[in-house]
PDB file of all heavy atoms in Angstrom:
ATOM      1  N   VAL A   1     105.972 170.464 182.312  1.00  0.00           N
ATOM      2  CA  VAL A   1     106.961 169.493 182.776  1.00  0.00           C
ATOM      3  C   VAL A   1     108.103 169.449 181.771  1.00  0.00           C
ATOM      4  O   VAL A   1     108.185 168.586 180.916  1.00  0.00           O
ATOM      5  CB  VAL A   1     106.326 168.103 182.941  1.00  0.00           C
ATOM      6  CG1 VAL A   1     107.303 167.145 183.611  1.00  0.00           C
ATOM      7  CG2 VAL A   1     105.057 168.198 183.760  1.00  0.00           C
ATOM      8  N   THR A   2     109.001 170.433 181.869  1.00  0.00           N
ATOM      9  CA  THR A   2     110.113 170.480 180.927  1.00  0.00           C
ATOM     10  C   THR A   2     111.070 169.332 181.146  1.00  0.00           C
ATOM     11  O   THR A   2     111.719 168.866 180.210  1.00  0.00           O
ATOM     12  CB  THR A   2     110.876 171.805 181.083  1.00  0.00           C
ATOM     13  OG1 THR A   2     111.320 171.919 182.441  1.00  0.00           O
ATOM     14  CG2 THR A   2     109.996 172.981 180.747  1.00  0.00           C
ATOM     15  N   ALA A   3     111.156 168.843 182.376  1.00  0.00           N
ATOM     16  CA  ALA A   3     112.097 167.758 182.666  1.00  0.00           C
ATOM     17  C   ALA A   3     111.771 166.512 181.877  1.00  0.00           C
ATOM     18  O   ALA A   3     112.644 165.882 181.301  1.00  0.00           O
ATOM     19  CB  ALA A   3     112.087 167.452 184.158  1.00  0.00           C
ATOM     20  N   SER A   4     110.477 166.129 181.852  1.00  0.00           N
ATOM     21  CA  SER A   4     110.127 164.876 181.184  1.00  0.00           C
ATOM     22  C   SER A   4     110.380 164.959 179.694  1.00  0.00           C
ATOM     23  O   SER A   4     110.724 163.960 179.059  1.00  0.00           O
ATOM     24  CB  SER A   4     108.671 164.522 181.456  1.00  0.00           C
ATOM     25  OG  SER A   4     107.814 165.451 180.843  1.00  0.00           O
ATOM     26  N   ARG A   5     110.203 166.135 179.093  1.00  0.00           N
ATOM     27  CA  ARG A   5     110.504 166.276 177.670  1.00  0.00           C
ATOM     28  C   ARG A   5     111.999 166.075 177.425  1.00  0.00           C
ATOM     29  O   ARG A   5     112.406 165.442 176.456  1.00  0.00           O
ATOM     30  CB  ARG A   5     110.069 167.658 177.164  1.00  0.00           C
ATOM     31  CG  ARG A   5     108.577 167.808 177.037  1.00  0.00           C
ATOM     32  CD  ARG A   5     108.216 169.221 176.616  1.00  0.00           C
ATOM     33  NE  ARG A   5     108.731 169.536 175.300  1.00  0.00           N
ATOM     34  CZ  ARG A   5     108.094 169.299 174.163  1.00  0.00           C
ATOM     35  NH1 ARG A   5     106.926 168.694 174.180  1.00  0.00           N
ATOM     36  NH2 ARG A   5     108.614 169.646 173.004  1.00  0.00           N
ATOM     37  N   MET A   6     112.820 166.647 178.305  1.00  0.00           N
ATOM     38  CA  MET A   6     114.263 166.503 178.128  1.00  0.00           C
ATOM     39  C   MET A   6     114.698 165.052 178.315  1.00  0.00           C
ATOM     40  O   MET A   6     115.609 164.575 177.653  1.00  0.00           O
ATOM     41  CB  MET A   6     115.005 167.399 179.115  1.00  0.00           C
ATOM     42  CG  MET A   6     114.852 168.882 178.839  1.00  0.00           C
ATOM     43  SD  MET A   6     115.727 169.872 180.063  1.00  0.00           S
ATOM     44  CE  MET A   6     115.324 171.518 179.513  1.00  0.00           C
ATOM     45  N   LEU A   7     114.031 164.380 179.274  1.00  0.00           N
ATOM     46  CA  LEU A   7     114.385 162.995 179.558  1.00  0.00           C
ATOM     47  C   LEU A   7     113.786 162.039 178.545  1.00  0.00           C
ATOM     48  O   LEU A   7     114.158 160.870 178.505  1.00  0.00           O
ATOM     49  CB  LEU A   7     113.885 162.613 180.953  1.00  0.00           C
ATOM     50  CG  LEU A   7     114.490 163.382 182.122  1.00  0.00           C
ATOM     51  CD1 LEU A   7     113.826 162.958 183.415  1.00  0.00           C
ATOM     52  CD2 LEU A   7     115.975 163.181 182.191  1.00  0.00           C
ATOM     53  N   SER A   8     112.871 162.510 177.738  1.00  0.00           N
ATOM     54  CA  SER A   8     112.177 161.665 176.789  1.00  0.00           C
ATOM     55  C   SER A   8     113.153 161.036 175.811  1.00  0.00           C
ATOM     56  O   SER A   8     114.172 161.618 175.436  1.00  0.00           O
ATOM     57  CB  SER A   8     111.142 162.499 176.025  1.00  0.00           C
ATOM     58  OG  SER A   8     110.683 161.821 174.887  1.00  0.00           O
ATOM     59  N   SER A   9     112.795 159.845 175.349  1.00  0.00           N
ATOM     60  CA  SER A   9     113.591 159.197 174.306  1.00  0.00           C
ATOM     61  C   SER A   9     113.569 159.989 173.010  1.00  0.00           C
ATOM     62  O   SER A   9     114.407 159.787 172.132  1.00  0.00           O
ATOM     63  CB  SER A   9     113.047 157.789 174.055  1.00  0.00           C
ATOM     64  OG  SER A   9     111.685 157.850 173.648  1.00  0.00           O
ATOM     65  N   VAL A  10     112.616 160.898 172.889  1.00  0.00           N
ATOM     66  CA  VAL A  10     112.515 161.737 171.704  1.00  0.00           C
ATOM     67  C   VAL A  10     113.436 162.946 171.803  1.00  0.00           C
ATOM     68  O   VAL A  10     113.778 163.567 170.792  1.00  0.00           O
ATOM     69  CB  VAL A  10     111.049 162.186 171.504  1.00  0.00           C
ATOM     70  CG1 VAL A  10     110.886 163.060 170.283  1.00  0.00           C
ATOM     71  CG2 VAL A  10     110.139 160.970 171.393  1.00  0.00           C
ATOM     72  N   GLY A  11     113.887 163.263 173.030  1.00  0.00           N
ATOM     73  CA  GLY A  11     114.715 164.432 173.261  1.00  0.00           C
ATOM     74  C   GLY A  11     116.200 164.169 173.089  1.00  0.00           C
ATOM     75  O   GLY A  11     116.618 163.174 172.502  1.00  0.00           O
ATOM     76  N   SER A  12     117.006 165.065 173.661  1.00  0.00           N
ATOM     77  CA  SER A  12     118.455 165.024 173.450  1.00  0.00           C
ATOM     78  C   SER A  12     119.119 163.833 174.119  1.00  0.00           C
ATOM     79  O   SER A  12     120.221 163.440 173.737  1.00  0.00           O
ATOM     80  CB  SER A  12     119.090 166.318 173.951  1.00  0.00           C
ATOM     81  OG  SER A  12     118.789 166.518 175.322  1.00  0.00           O
ATOM     82  N   THR A  13     118.478 163.225 175.120  1.00  0.00           N
ATOM     83  CA  THR A  13     119.050 162.021 175.726  1.00  0.00           C
ATOM     84  C   THR A  13     118.759 160.779 174.901  1.00  0.00           C
ATOM     85  O   THR A  13     119.305 159.709 175.158  1.00  0.00           O
ATOM     86  CB  THR A  13     118.513 161.812 177.153  1.00  0.00           C
ATOM     87  OG1 THR A  13     117.102 161.612 177.101  1.00  0.00           O
ATOM     88  CG2 THR A  13     118.831 163.012 178.037  1.00  0.00           C
ATOM     89  N   GLY A  14     117.860 160.935 173.908  1.00  0.00           N
ATOM     90  CA  GLY A  14     117.479 159.820 173.049  1.00  0.00           C
ATOM     91  C   GLY A  14     117.866 160.078 171.607  1.00  0.00           C
ATOM     92  O   GLY A  14     119.036 160.178 171.267  1.00  0.00           O
ATOM     93  N   ILE A  15     116.860 160.236 170.730  1.00  0.00           N
ATOM     94  CA  ILE A  15     117.141 160.370 169.302  1.00  0.00           C
ATOM     95  C   ILE A  15     117.249 161.814 168.843  1.00  0.00           C
ATOM     96  O   ILE A  15     117.480 162.072 167.653  1.00  0.00           O
ATOM     97  CB  ILE A  15     116.089 159.634 168.458  1.00  0.00           C
ATOM     98  CG1 ILE A  15     114.711 160.303 168.564  1.00  0.00           C
ATOM     99  CG2 ILE A  15     116.014 158.167 168.848  1.00  0.00           C
ATOM    100  CD1 ILE A  15     113.695 159.773 167.574  1.00  0.00           C
ATOM    101  N   ASP A  16     117.066 162.773 169.731  1.00  0.00           N
ATOM    102  CA  ASP A  16     117.233 164.202 169.435  1.00  0.00           C
ATOM    103  C   ASP A  16     116.291 164.687 168.336  1.00  0.00           C
ATOM    104  O   ASP A  16     116.664 165.471 167.466  1.00  0.00           O
ATOM    105  CB  ASP A  16     118.690 164.498 169.051  1.00  0.00           C
ATOM    106  CG  ASP A  16     119.093 165.940 169.345  1.00  0.00           C
ATOM    107  OD1 ASP A  16     118.356 166.618 170.092  1.00  0.00           O
ATOM    108  OD2 ASP A  16     120.142 166.384 168.838  1.00  0.00           O
ATOM    109  N   ALA A  17     115.020 164.230 168.404  1.00  0.00           N
ATOM    110  CA  ALA A  17     114.025 164.654 167.421  1.00  0.00           C
ATOM    111  C   ALA A  17     113.319 165.939 167.826  1.00  0.00           C
ATOM    112  O   ALA A  17     112.808 166.665 166.966  1.00  0.00           O
ATOM    113  CB  ALA A  17     112.991 163.552 167.205  1.00  0.00           C
ATOM    114  N   LEU A  18     113.270 166.235 169.140  1.00  0.00           N
ATOM    115  CA  LEU A  18     112.564 167.441 169.579  1.00  0.00           C
ATOM    116  C   LEU A  18     113.170 168.706 168.964  1.00  0.00           C
ATOM    117  O   LEU A  18     112.467 169.683 168.733  1.00  0.00           O
ATOM    118  CB  LEU A  18     112.592 167.548 171.111  1.00  0.00           C
ATOM    119  CG  LEU A  18     111.714 166.559 171.884  1.00  0.00           C
ATOM    120  CD1 LEU A  18     111.856 166.795 173.382  1.00  0.00           C
ATOM    121  CD2 LEU A  18     110.256 166.664 171.458  1.00  0.00           C
ATOM    122  N   LYS A  19     114.453 168.666 168.703  1.00  0.00           N
ATOM    123  CA  LYS A  19     115.112 169.805 168.065  1.00  0.00           C
ATOM    124  C   LYS A  19     114.479 170.094 166.704  1.00  0.00           C
ATOM    125  O   LYS A  19     114.343 171.258 166.296  1.00  0.00           O
ATOM    126  CB  LYS A  19     116.599 169.500 167.901  1.00  0.00           C
ATOM    127  CG  LYS A  19     117.436 170.663 167.385  1.00  0.00           C
ATOM    128  CD  LYS A  19     118.890 170.246 167.179  1.00  0.00           C
ATOM    129  CE  LYS A  19     119.542 169.821 168.489  1.00  0.00           C
ATOM    130  NZ  LYS A  19     120.976 169.460 168.286  1.00  0.00           N
ATOM    131  N   LEU A  20     114.075 169.050 166.009  1.00  0.00           N
ATOM    132  CA  LEU A  20     113.477 169.233 164.689  1.00  0.00           C
ATOM    133  C   LEU A  20     112.049 169.752 164.759  1.00  0.00           C
ATOM    134  O   LEU A  20     111.535 170.308 163.782  1.00  0.00           O
ATOM    135  CB  LEU A  20     113.502 167.907 163.924  1.00  0.00           C
ATOM    136  CG  LEU A  20     114.890 167.376 163.572  1.00  0.00           C
ATOM    137  CD1 LEU A  20     114.793 165.988 162.943  1.00  0.00           C
ATOM    138  CD2 LEU A  20     115.632 168.323 162.645  1.00  0.00           C
ATOM    139  N   HIS A  21     111.389 169.584 165.928  1.00  0.00           N
ATOM    140  CA  HIS A  21     110.033 170.119 166.095  1.00  0.00           C
ATOM    141  C   HIS A  21     110.037 171.644 166.151  1.00  0.00           C
ATOM    142  O   HIS A  21     109.028 172.276 165.851  1.00  0.00           O
ATOM    143  CB  HIS A  21     109.404 169.587 167.384  1.00  0.00           C
ATOM    144  CG  HIS A  21     109.122 168.114 167.350  1.00  0.00           C
ATOM    145  ND1 HIS A  21     108.460 167.460 168.369  1.00  0.00           N
ATOM    146  CD2 HIS A  21     109.387 167.157 166.430  1.00  0.00           C
ATOM    147  CE1 HIS A  21     108.362 166.178 168.083  1.00  0.00           C
ATOM    148  NE2 HIS A  21     108.926 165.971 166.910  1.00  0.00           N
ATOM    149  N   SER A  22     111.154 172.205 166.569  1.00  0.00           N
ATOM    150  CA  SER A  22     111.236 173.641 166.842  1.00  0.00           C
ATOM    151  C   SER A  22     111.798 174.399 165.635  1.00  0.00           C
ATOM    152  O   SER A  22     112.301 173.807 164.680  1.00  0.00           O
ATOM    153  CB  SER A  22     112.121 173.872 168.070  1.00  0.00           C
ATOM    154  OG  SER A  22     111.679 173.121 169.177  1.00  0.00           O
ATOM    155  N   GLU A  23     111.694 175.727 165.714  1.00  0.00           N
ATOM    156  CA  GLU A  23     112.320 176.571 164.694  1.00  0.00           C
ATOM    157  C   GLU A  23     113.838 176.398 164.749  1.00  0.00           C
ATOM    158  O   GLU A  23     114.392 176.162 165.812  1.00  0.00           O
ATOM    159  CB  GLU A  23     111.943 178.041 164.939  1.00  0.00           C
ATOM    160  CG  GLU A  23     110.454 178.322 164.824  1.00  0.00           C
ATOM    161  CD  GLU A  23     109.928 178.157 163.400  1.00  0.00           C
ATOM    162  OE1 GLU A  23     110.762 178.138 162.464  1.00  0.00           O
ATOM    163  OE2 GLU A  23     108.713 178.041 163.240  1.00  0.00           O
ATOM    164  N   PRO A  24     114.528 176.503 163.642  1.00  0.00           N
ATOM    165  CA  PRO A  24     114.021 176.865 162.304  1.00  0.00           C
ATOM    166  C   PRO A  24     113.525 175.683 161.483  1.00  0.00           C
ATOM    167  O   PRO A  24     113.122 175.855 160.333  1.00  0.00           O
ATOM    168  CB  PRO A  24     115.268 177.462 161.645  1.00  0.00           C
ATOM    169  CG  PRO A  24     116.394 176.652 162.211  1.00  0.00           C
ATOM    170  CD  PRO A  24     116.008 176.382 163.649  1.00  0.00           C
ATOM    171  N   TYR A  25     113.535 174.472 162.070  1.00  0.00           N
ATOM    172  CA  TYR A  25     113.217 173.276 161.282  1.00  0.00           C
ATOM    173  C   TYR A  25     111.711 173.082 161.140  1.00  0.00           C
ATOM    174  O   TYR A  25     111.209 172.806 160.046  1.00  0.00           O
ATOM    175  CB  TYR A  25     113.877 172.052 161.920  1.00  0.00           C
ATOM    176  CG  TYR A  25     115.312 172.303 162.280  1.00  0.00           C
ATOM    177  CD1 TYR A  25     115.705 172.515 163.609  1.00  0.00           C
ATOM    178  CD2 TYR A  25     116.288 172.376 161.287  1.00  0.00           C
ATOM    179  CE1 TYR A  25     117.019 172.771 163.937  1.00  0.00           C
ATOM    180  CE2 TYR A  25     117.617 172.638 161.611  1.00  0.00           C
ATOM    181  CZ  TYR A  25     117.976 172.838 162.941  1.00  0.00           C
ATOM    182  OH  TYR A  25     119.269 173.102 163.261  1.00  0.00           O
ATOM    183  N   ASN A  26     111.002 173.160 162.278  1.00  0.00           N
ATOM    184  CA  ASN A  26     109.539 173.118 162.263  1.00  0.00           C
ATOM    185  C   ASN A  26     109.020 171.856 161.569  1.00  0.00           C
ATOM    186  O   ASN A  26     108.130 171.907 160.728  1.00  0.00           O
ATOM    187  CB  ASN A  26     108.995 174.372 161.572  1.00  0.00           C
ATOM    188  CG  ASN A  26     107.510 174.582 161.851  1.00  0.00           C
ATOM    189  OD1 ASN A  26     106.995 174.118 162.868  1.00  0.00           O
ATOM    190  ND2 ASN A  26     106.827 175.256 160.944  1.00  0.00           N
ATOM    191  N   LEU A  27     109.582 170.700 161.945  1.00  0.00           N
ATOM    192  CA  LEU A  27     109.199 169.433 161.338  1.00  0.00           C
ATOM    193  C   LEU A  27     108.475 168.562 162.368  1.00  0.00           C
ATOM    194  O   LEU A  27     109.046 168.206 163.399  1.00  0.00           O
ATOM    195  CB  LEU A  27     110.434 168.691 160.822  1.00  0.00           C
ATOM    196  CG  LEU A  27     111.234 169.376 159.716  1.00  0.00           C
ATOM    197  CD1 LEU A  27     112.528 168.615 159.457  1.00  0.00           C
ATOM    198  CD2 LEU A  27     110.407 169.496 158.436  1.00  0.00           C
ATOM    199  N   ILE A  28     107.223 168.213 162.079  1.00  0.00           N
ATOM    200  CA  ILE A  28     106.463 167.314 162.952  1.00  0.00           C
ATOM    201  C   ILE A  28     105.772 166.196 162.156  1.00  0.00           C
ATOM    202  O   ILE A  28     104.940 165.476 162.686  1.00  0.00           O
ATOM    203  CB  ILE A  28     105.412 168.086 163.784  1.00  0.00           C
ATOM    204  CG1 ILE A  28     104.432 168.825 162.882  1.00  0.00           C
ATOM    205  CG2 ILE A  28     106.093 169.041 164.774  1.00  0.00           C
ATOM    206  CD1 ILE A  28     103.243 169.419 163.625  1.00  0.00           C
ATOM    207  N   GLY A  29     106.111 166.078 160.872  1.00  0.00           N
ATOM    208  CA  GLY A  29     105.518 165.030 160.045  1.00  0.00           C
ATOM    209  C   GLY A  29     104.204 165.400 159.394  1.00  0.00           C
ATOM    210  O   GLY A  29     103.433 164.510 159.015  1.00  0.00           O
TER     211      GLY A  29
END
């Protein structure tokens, strides 16, 4: 369900944290 991830408050419509989960940042805490 790629749509729900994009719509998530964690994604680009919200705080844009999902970008940090991915390369090259690879940050998940």
